[in-house]
Amino acid sequence: MMRKMAGFSLIEALVAGLIMFIALTVFTNVYRGALQANQRATEVVWQTAPLDLLFDAIHLKLTQAQYADTQRGEEYFLGRRYLWEAKVSRRITPPERYLNKEKVETGGQAVVWKVSLHDASSDDVHEYMEITW
């Protein structure tokens, strides 16, 4: 009498191993891609996080220097050195204002600055427009 053998044949074991190898390869590539994306995102956040604080500091200095045509400075944040230069793009006189048909003095001018912010550690340059009054 013939007995039925229990277990897997060699072909079945090889097919199961191949499927497991393909699944591990796919999961490894997905995991590696996630790690790389995380690293890139961390680098971008590290580079751009101080910009808002630097913009505020530059805005304050430009507000105090309303009548100059060019301003320069340097700031330090998180161990990085930033150099900036701002040039007046234009000066704007505010429109006339009236309250109960009487002209109200507005005083001063708005100044539009073109600001270049240079990250000395990475040679990145950020340019933006700033307005002060």
Protein backbone atom coordinates (compact mmCIF):
# COMPACT_ATOMS: atom_id res chain seq x y z
CA MET A 1 0.00 0.00 0.00
CA MET A 2 1.05 3.48 -0.76
CA ARG A 3 1.15 6.00 1.94
CA LYS A 4 0.56 9.66 1.34
CA MET A 5 3.55 11.70 2.37
CA ALA A 6 3.06 14.72 4.59
CA GLY A 7 4.97 17.98 4.10
CA PHE A 8 5.95 20.25 1.21
CA SER A 9 7.67 19.40 -2.00
CA LEU A 10 10.86 21.15 -2.99
CA ILE A 11 9.03 23.20 -5.62
CA GLU A 12 6.46 24.41 -3.09
CA ALA A 13 9.21 25.43 -0.67
CA LEU A 14 11.10 27.30 -3.43
CA VAL A 15 7.96 29.17 -4.54
CA ALA A 16 7.16 30.12 -0.93
CA GLY A 17 10.75 31.32 -0.44
CA LEU A 18 10.62 33.36 -3.64
CA ILE A 19 7.36 35.03 -2.59
CA MET A 20 8.83 35.83 0.83
CA PHE A 21 12.01 37.24 -0.80
CA ILE A 22 9.96 39.51 -3.12
CA ALA A 23 7.84 40.75 -0.19
CA LEU A 24 10.94 41.50 1.90
CA THR A 25 12.53 43.37 -1.02
CA VAL A 26 9.43 45.53 -1.48
CA PHE A 27 9.15 46.30 2.24
CA THR A 28 12.86 47.13 2.43
CA ASN A 29 12.59 49.58 -0.46
CA VAL A 30 9.52 51.23 1.05
CA TYR A 31 11.24 51.56 4.42
CA ARG A 32 14.42 52.96 2.83
CA GLY A 33 12.34 55.51 0.87
CA ALA A 34 10.54 56.56 4.05
CA LEU A 35 13.85 57.04 5.86
CA GLN A 36 15.25 59.15 3.01
CA ALA A 37 12.09 61.29 2.88
CA ASN A 38 12.27 61.78 6.64
CA GLN A 39 15.91 62.84 6.40
CA ARG A 40 15.17 65.33 3.60
CA ALA A 41 12.23 66.78 5.52
CA THR A 42 14.37 67.16 8.64
CA GLU A 43 17.05 68.99 6.66
CA VAL A 44 14.50 71.37 5.12
CA VAL A 45 12.96 72.14 8.51
CA TRP A 46 16.42 72.69 10.02
CA GLN A 47 17.28 75.14 7.24
CA THR A 48 14.00 77.05 7.16
CA ALA A 49 12.97 77.09 10.84
CA PRO A 50 15.05 80.14 11.76
CA LEU A 51 13.86 82.16 8.77
CA ASP A 52 10.70 83.48 10.47
CA LEU A 53 12.70 84.69 13.46
CA LEU A 54 15.32 86.21 11.17
CA PHE A 55 12.61 87.95 9.13
CA ASP A 56 11.25 89.50 12.33
CA ALA A 57 14.69 90.70 13.44
CA ILE A 58 15.41 92.18 10.02
CA HIS A 59 11.98 93.84 9.92
CA LEU A 60 12.64 95.51 13.27
CA LYS A 61 16.01 96.85 12.12
CA LEU A 62 14.54 98.12 8.85
CA THR A 63 11.71 99.84 10.72
CA GLN A 64 14.31 101.70 12.78
CA ALA A 65 16.22 102.73 9.62
CA GLN A 66 13.38 104.30 7.62
CA TYR A 67 15.48 107.00 5.95
CA ALA A 68 18.47 104.95 4.78
CA ASP A 69 18.53 103.53 1.27
CA THR A 70 20.63 100.47 2.13
CA GLN A 71 20.97 98.45 5.30
CA ARG A 72 23.25 95.52 6.11
CA GLY A 73 23.60 93.26 9.07
CA GLU A 74 24.32 89.82 10.38
CA GLU A 75 22.40 87.52 12.67
CA TYR A 76 23.29 84.28 14.43
CA PHE A 77 20.75 81.56 15.05
CA LEU A 78 21.29 77.93 16.11
CA GLY A 79 25.00 78.23 15.46
CA ARG A 80 24.52 79.52 11.93
CA ARG A 81 25.59 82.88 10.61
CA TYR A 82 23.26 84.84 8.34
CA LEU A 83 24.25 87.96 6.42
CA TRP A 84 21.57 90.24 5.02
CA GLU A 85 21.34 93.30 2.86
CA ALA A 86 18.25 95.39 2.20
CA LYS A 87 17.84 98.06 -0.48
CA VAL A 88 14.91 100.43 -0.85
CA SER A 89 12.80 99.36 -3.79
CA ARG A 90 10.38 102.29 -3.48
CA ARG A 91 8.80 104.68 -1.02
CA ILE A 92 5.02 105.00 -0.90
CA THR A 93 3.11 108.00 0.40
CA PRO A 94 -0.14 106.85 2.01
CA PRO A 95 -3.39 108.11 0.45
CA GLU A 96 -5.29 110.98 1.99
CA ARG A 97 -7.72 109.99 4.73
CA TYR A 98 -10.86 111.74 5.81
CA LEU A 99 -12.89 111.50 8.98
CA ASN A 100 -16.27 113.27 8.91
CA LYS A 101 -15.21 115.18 5.79
CA GLU A 102 -12.09 116.45 7.52
CA LYS A 103 -8.65 115.51 6.26
CA VAL A 104 -6.65 113.45 8.75
CA GLU A 105 -2.85 113.58 8.71
CA THR A 106 -1.38 110.14 8.17
CA GLY A 107 2.29 111.04 8.39
CA GLY A 108 5.29 109.05 7.26
CA GLN A 109 5.85 106.83 4.29
CA ALA A 110 5.76 103.15 3.66
CA VAL A 111 9.07 101.78 2.44
CA VAL A 112 9.33 98.67 0.30
CA TRP A 113 12.67 96.88 0.74
CA LYS A 114 14.27 94.15 -1.34
CA VAL A 115 16.07 91.91 1.16
CA SER A 116 18.74 89.31 0.40
CA LEU A 117 19.41 86.84 3.22
CA HIS A 118 22.57 84.77 2.86
CA ASP A 119 23.16 81.61 4.90
CA ALA A 120 26.95 81.67 5.34
CA SER A 121 27.15 77.97 6.25
CA SER A 122 25.44 76.63 3.13
CA ASP A 123 25.68 79.45 0.57
CA ASP A 124 21.87 79.56 0.28
CA VAL A 125 20.42 82.96 -0.60
CA HIS A 126 16.81 83.87 0.13
CA GLU A 127 15.35 87.01 -1.42
CA TYR A 128 12.08 88.59 -0.41
CA MET A 129 10.28 91.92 -0.22
CA GLU A 130 9.66 93.64 3.12
CA ILE A 131 7.49 96.64 3.84
CA THR A 132 7.97 99.00 6.77
CA TRP A 133 6.29 102.22 7.83
